[in-house]
Protein backbone atom coordinates (compact mmCIF):
# COMPACT_ATOMS: atom_id res chain seq x y z
CA MET A 1 21.52 14.87 5.42
CA LYS A 2 19.72 12.18 3.42
CA LYS A 3 16.42 10.87 4.69
CA THR A 4 16.24 7.10 5.16
CA ILE A 5 13.06 5.59 3.75
CA ALA A 6 12.00 2.02 4.53
CA ILE A 7 10.35 0.27 1.58
CA GLN A 8 8.88 -3.18 1.11
CA GLY A 9 11.09 -4.72 -1.54
CA ILE A 10 14.30 -3.59 -3.15
CA GLN A 11 15.54 -1.03 -5.65
CA GLY A 12 13.39 -1.23 -8.76
CA SER A 13 10.20 -2.16 -6.87
CA ASN A 14 7.00 -0.10 -6.90
CA HIS A 15 7.69 0.98 -3.31
CA HIS A 16 11.04 2.34 -4.55
CA LYS A 17 9.24 4.28 -7.32
CA VAL A 18 6.96 5.86 -4.69
CA ALA A 19 9.96 6.79 -2.51
CA GLN A 20 11.55 8.59 -5.46
CA ALA A 21 8.32 10.32 -6.49
CA TYR A 22 7.45 11.46 -2.97
CA PHE A 23 10.85 12.26 -1.48
CA GLY A 24 13.07 12.75 -4.56
CA ASP A 25 15.95 10.68 -5.89
CA GLU A 26 18.38 11.56 -3.11
CA VAL A 27 17.12 9.15 -0.47
CA GLN A 28 18.73 6.32 1.45
CA LEU A 29 16.70 3.12 1.18
CA ASP A 30 16.16 0.56 3.90
CA GLU A 31 15.08 -2.45 1.84
CA CYS A 32 12.67 -4.70 3.75
CA LEU A 33 11.42 -8.00 2.36
CA SER A 34 8.21 -7.98 4.42
CA PHE A 35 5.81 -5.42 5.83
CA ASP A 36 6.60 -6.72 9.34
CA ALA A 37 10.28 -5.92 8.73
CA LEU A 38 9.30 -2.48 7.41
CA VAL A 39 7.35 -1.70 10.59
CA HIS A 40 10.25 -3.00 12.72
CA SER A 41 12.61 -0.62 10.89
CA LEU A 42 10.32 2.34 11.59
CA MET A 43 9.64 1.47 15.23
CA HIS A 44 13.35 0.95 15.99
CA GLY A 45 14.53 4.19 14.40
CA LYS A 46 16.34 2.67 11.42
CA CYS A 47 14.45 5.00 9.06
CA ASN A 48 12.77 8.41 9.09
CA TYR A 49 9.71 7.29 7.15
CA ALA A 50 8.23 4.08 5.77
CA ILE A 51 6.17 3.52 2.63
CA MET A 52 3.41 0.94 2.72
CA ALA A 53 0.94 -0.22 0.06
CA LEU A 54 -2.57 -0.18 1.49
CA GLU A 55 -5.04 -0.86 -1.30
CA ASN A 56 -5.20 -1.68 -5.00
CA THR A 57 -7.91 -1.13 -7.59
CA ILE A 58 -7.83 -4.83 -8.60
CA ALA A 59 -6.84 -6.72 -5.45
CA GLY A 60 -8.61 -4.46 -2.93
CA SER A 61 -7.41 -3.69 0.59
CA ILE A 62 -4.26 -5.19 2.04
CA ILE A 63 -5.96 -6.07 5.32
CA PRO A 64 -2.87 -7.12 7.36
CA ASN A 65 -1.33 -3.69 6.77
CA TYR A 66 -4.27 -1.91 8.44
CA ALA A 67 -3.71 -4.19 11.43
CA LEU A 68 0.05 -3.39 11.47
CA ILE A 69 -0.59 0.37 11.47
CA ASP A 70 -3.14 0.04 14.25
CA ALA A 71 -1.25 -2.39 16.48
CA ASN A 72 1.95 -0.34 16.40
CA ASN A 73 0.26 3.08 16.75
CA ILE A 74 1.95 4.30 13.59
CA HIS A 75 0.95 7.64 12.09
CA ILE A 76 0.00 8.31 8.47
CA ASN A 77 1.73 11.46 7.22
CA GLY A 78 0.73 11.36 3.56
CA GLU A 79 -0.36 9.23 0.62
CA TYR A 80 0.62 8.54 -2.97
CA TYR A 81 -1.29 6.90 -5.81
CA LEU A 82 0.86 4.98 -8.27
CA ASN A 83 -0.31 3.55 -11.57
CA ILE A 84 0.94 -0.02 -11.62
CA HIS A 85 2.52 -1.45 -14.77
CA HIS A 86 3.38 -5.13 -14.67
CA HIS A 87 5.83 -6.57 -17.21
CA LEU A 88 6.92 -10.16 -17.72
CA MET A 89 10.70 -10.41 -17.93
CA ALA A 90 13.44 -13.03 -18.16
CA LEU A 91 17.05 -13.50 -19.22
CA PRO A 92 17.67 -12.45 -22.84
CA ASN A 93 17.22 -14.75 -25.86
CA GLN A 94 14.15 -16.56 -24.53
CA THR A 95 10.51 -16.53 -25.62
CA ILE A 96 7.44 -16.91 -23.45
CA GLN A 97 7.20 -20.53 -24.65
CA ASP A 98 10.54 -21.21 -22.92
CA ILE A 99 9.15 -20.10 -19.54
CA THR A 100 7.95 -22.80 -17.14
CA GLU A 101 7.74 -20.76 -13.94
CA VAL A 102 6.86 -17.18 -13.02
CA CYS A 103 7.74 -15.89 -9.55
CA SER A 104 6.45 -12.65 -8.07
CA HIS A 105 4.75 -10.99 -5.12
CA PRO A 106 1.29 -12.49 -4.46
CA MET A 107 -0.41 -9.16 -5.28
CA ALA A 108 1.33 -8.96 -8.67
CA LEU A 109 0.31 -12.53 -9.49
CA LEU A 110 -3.28 -11.76 -8.52
CA GLN A 111 -3.34 -8.63 -10.68
CA CYS A 112 -2.08 -10.57 -13.74
CA LYS A 113 -3.88 -13.90 -13.41
CA GLU A 114 -6.02 -13.44 -16.55
CA PHE A 115 -2.89 -13.11 -18.69
CA PHE A 116 -1.55 -16.50 -17.57
CA LYS A 117 -4.74 -18.40 -18.42
CA GLN A 118 -3.43 -18.57 -21.99
CA TYR A 119 -0.19 -20.21 -20.79
CA PRO A 120 -1.25 -23.27 -18.74
CA GLN A 121 2.28 -24.66 -18.84
CA ILE A 122 3.53 -21.82 -16.63
CA LYS A 123 3.58 -22.45 -12.88
CA LEU A 124 2.90 -19.35 -10.75
CA VAL A 125 5.00 -19.12 -7.59
CA GLU A 126 4.67 -16.55 -4.81
CA ASP A 127 7.77 -14.68 -3.68
CA VAL A 128 8.53 -11.77 -1.36
CA ASP A 129 9.05 -8.99 -3.91
CA THR A 130 8.75 -8.26 -7.61
CA ALA A 131 12.17 -6.66 -8.09
CA ALA A 132 13.92 -9.17 -5.80
CA VAL A 133 12.87 -11.98 -8.15
CA ALA A 134 14.27 -10.06 -11.14
CA GLN A 135 17.53 -9.60 -9.25
CA LYS A 136 17.72 -13.31 -8.38
CA ILE A 137 17.15 -14.34 -12.00
CA GLU A 138 20.08 -12.19 -13.10
CA GLN A 139 22.40 -13.16 -10.24
CA GLN A 140 21.79 -16.89 -10.63
CA GLN A 141 21.29 -16.78 -14.43
CA LEU A 142 18.02 -18.69 -14.12
CA LYS A 143 16.68 -19.75 -17.50
CA GLY A 144 13.06 -20.79 -17.92
CA ILE A 145 12.02 -18.58 -14.99
CA ALA A 146 10.44 -15.16 -15.38
CA ALA A 147 9.56 -12.28 -13.07
CA ILE A 148 6.69 -9.82 -13.01
CA ALA A 149 8.20 -6.43 -12.25
CA THR A 150 8.70 -2.84 -13.40
CA LYS A 151 10.60 -1.61 -16.46
CA THR A 152 13.12 -0.14 -14.03
CA ALA A 153 13.80 -3.62 -12.64
CA ALA A 154 14.31 -4.99 -16.16
CA GLU A 155 16.87 -2.25 -16.84
CA LEU A 156 18.61 -2.63 -13.48
CA PHE A 157 18.98 -6.41 -13.76
CA ASN A 158 19.56 -6.74 -17.52
CA LEU A 159 16.38 -8.67 -18.25
CA GLU A 160 14.33 -8.72 -21.43
CA ILE A 161 10.62 -7.89 -21.37
CA LEU A 162 8.72 -10.79 -22.94
CA SER A 163 5.31 -9.14 -22.61
CA GLY A 164 4.43 -5.67 -21.35
CA GLU A 165 1.41 -4.35 -19.45
CA ILE A 166 0.12 -7.79 -18.46
CA GLN A 167 -2.10 -6.57 -15.59
CA THR A 168 -5.74 -7.61 -15.99
CA ILE A 169 -7.10 -4.08 -15.74
CA LYS A 170 -4.99 -1.47 -17.48
CA THR A 171 -6.06 1.29 -15.10
CA ASN A 172 -4.43 -0.54 -12.20
CA ALA A 173 -3.40 1.73 -9.33
CA THR A 174 -2.15 1.24 -5.79
CA ARG A 175 -2.54 3.64 -2.89
CA PHE A 176 0.55 3.90 -0.72
CA VAL A 177 0.74 5.66 2.64
CA ILE A 178 3.72 7.47 4.12
CA LEU A 179 4.24 6.38 7.71
CA GLN A 180 6.15 7.83 10.65
CA LYS A 181 6.59 6.92 14.28
CA GLU A 182 5.85 10.34 15.72
CA LYS A 183 2.61 12.26 15.34
CA PRO A 184 2.82 14.45 12.20
CA THR A 185 2.82 18.22 12.48
CA ASN A 186 1.11 19.02 9.19
CA GLY A 187 -0.26 22.57 9.09
CA ILE A 188 -4.02 23.11 8.82
CA ASP A 189 -3.56 24.50 5.30
CA GLN A 190 -1.93 21.18 4.27
CA ILE A 191 -4.74 18.98 5.62
CA ASP A 192 -7.91 17.93 3.79
CA LYS A 193 -7.99 14.18 4.45
CA ALA A 194 -7.99 12.01 7.57
CA SER A 195 -7.70 8.32 8.37
CA LEU A 196 -9.66 7.22 11.44
CA ARG A 197 -10.20 4.02 13.41
CA PHE A 198 -13.17 3.57 15.71
CA GLU A 199 -15.15 0.96 17.60
CA LEU A 200 -18.89 1.00 18.30
CA ASP A 201 -21.35 -0.54 20.70
CA HIS A 202 -22.93 -3.65 19.18
CA LYS A 203 -26.31 -1.98 18.67
CA ARG A 204 -28.63 -1.77 15.70
CA GLY A 205 -27.99 1.31 13.56
CA SER A 206 -24.81 2.39 15.38
CA LEU A 207 -22.70 2.50 12.20
CA ALA A 208 -25.44 4.27 10.24
CA THR A 209 -25.59 6.93 12.95
CA ILE A 210 -21.84 7.55 12.70
CA LEU A 211 -22.02 7.83 8.90
CA ASN A 212 -24.85 10.36 9.26
CA VAL A 213 -22.68 12.46 11.59
CA MET A 214 -19.92 12.49 8.99
CA SER A 215 -22.38 13.50 6.29
CA ASP A 216 -23.92 16.24 8.46
CA CYS A 217 -20.42 17.63 9.10
CA LYS A 218 -19.74 17.65 5.34
CA LEU A 219 -17.11 14.91 5.44
CA ASN A 220 -16.83 12.81 2.29
CA LEU A 221 -16.32 9.13 3.09
CA THR A 222 -13.80 7.72 0.57
CA LYS A 223 -13.03 4.39 2.25
CA ILE A 224 -14.48 2.11 4.91
CA GLN A 225 -12.90 -1.14 6.04
CA SER A 226 -13.81 -3.40 8.95
CA LEU A 227 -11.36 -5.60 10.85
CA PRO A 228 -12.20 -8.13 13.55
CA ILE A 229 -11.03 -7.26 17.06
CA ILE A 230 -9.07 -10.38 17.93
CA GLU A 231 -9.64 -10.35 21.69
CA THR A 232 -13.43 -9.84 21.36
CA PRO A 233 -14.95 -12.28 18.84
CA TRP A 234 -17.64 -10.92 16.50
CA LYS A 235 -16.76 -7.32 17.28
CA TYR A 236 -15.16 -5.14 14.63
CA ALA A 237 -13.07 -2.02 14.35
CA PHE A 238 -13.81 0.31 11.46
CA PHE A 239 -11.13 2.10 9.46
CA VAL A 240 -12.35 5.05 7.40
CA ASP A 241 -10.83 7.72 5.19
CA VAL A 242 -12.63 11.04 4.90
CA THR A 243 -11.95 14.19 2.92
CA PHE A 244 -13.18 17.67 3.80
CA GLU A 245 -13.03 21.24 2.53
CA SER A 246 -13.19 22.87 5.95
CA TYR A 247 -10.86 21.91 8.80
CA GLU A 248 -13.48 23.35 11.17
CA ASN A 249 -16.04 20.80 9.89
CA TYR A 250 -13.51 18.03 10.48
CA THR A 251 -12.77 19.05 14.09
CA LYS A 252 -16.51 19.36 14.76
CA ALA A 253 -17.04 15.81 13.47
CA ILE A 254 -14.17 14.48 15.59
CA SER A 255 -15.58 16.04 18.77
CA ILE A 256 -18.95 14.34 18.12
CA LEU A 257 -17.37 10.99 17.16
CA GLU A 258 -15.34 10.96 20.38
CA ILE A 259 -18.63 10.93 22.29
CA MET A 260 -20.51 8.48 20.06
CA THR A 261 -17.81 5.81 19.62
CA THR A 262 -16.42 3.50 22.30
CA SER A 263 -12.92 4.13 20.94
CA LEU A 264 -11.63 6.65 18.38
CA LYS A 265 -8.10 6.94 17.01
CA VAL A 266 -6.90 9.45 14.41
CA LEU A 267 -4.33 7.52 12.37
CA GLY A 268 -3.29 10.59 10.42
CA THR A 269 -4.31 13.91 8.85
CA TYR A 270 -2.70 14.84 5.54
CA LYS A 271 -3.13 16.14 1.98
CA ASN A 272 -5.52 14.29 -0.33
CA GLN A 273 -3.36 13.32 -3.32
CA ARG A 274 -6.15 12.26 -5.65
CA ASN A 275 -7.04 15.89 -6.24
CA SER A 276 -3.44 17.09 -6.50
């Protein structure tokens, strides 16, 4: 029986590429045009798993997605790092001088903004998805409008690449997480990374103390992100990713953190893909 995977975007998007790479080609897609819709699909049982972009080497963290994972008590079951390649594409028989408007996802526009400084005549317009714009251009035969999307999208929707690899930094990568509604049952031998959320008393040195505990327990901090707690102004929740060689060291750290934090949530334990 095919797994159903919810992705943000449509066939040909980067989320689709991650679904294929992580789960294989034989998957059923639930195409969602927003991350809110993706979470709704997961929470209401329309899919088995969901794929969500969480951070990018150029644009940084996608803050609202941390909040979505937290608010809905979603579990992280895995991760995948995808090298991002942005290509400018349009209907055939046009040049870049014919283009007056480029539509794409806000993150794609942000990651390519240096390229467009040399084309001041082009208006940049935000849209819901990279591949969805490519599809719309083909369906409506829109001349003078281009999309930023993957080579796969260009092939799927019969568009011509006007300029390839237009991202500002060529080593552009996005970290995606694999989400599920239920708590994962990954075996200890499959676990060497954890995502945690915690809150602290508003006292001097409280965060430094927590970081020292992690260091003493031989956890390697790979990410830290703070988010305001909406109902308590000027208080923050901290989201961290840690890697570890020994599961025993990790469980020791968790037992100490449960005492030292005012609130601790394990968002997921899984395999670190950056070393795979």
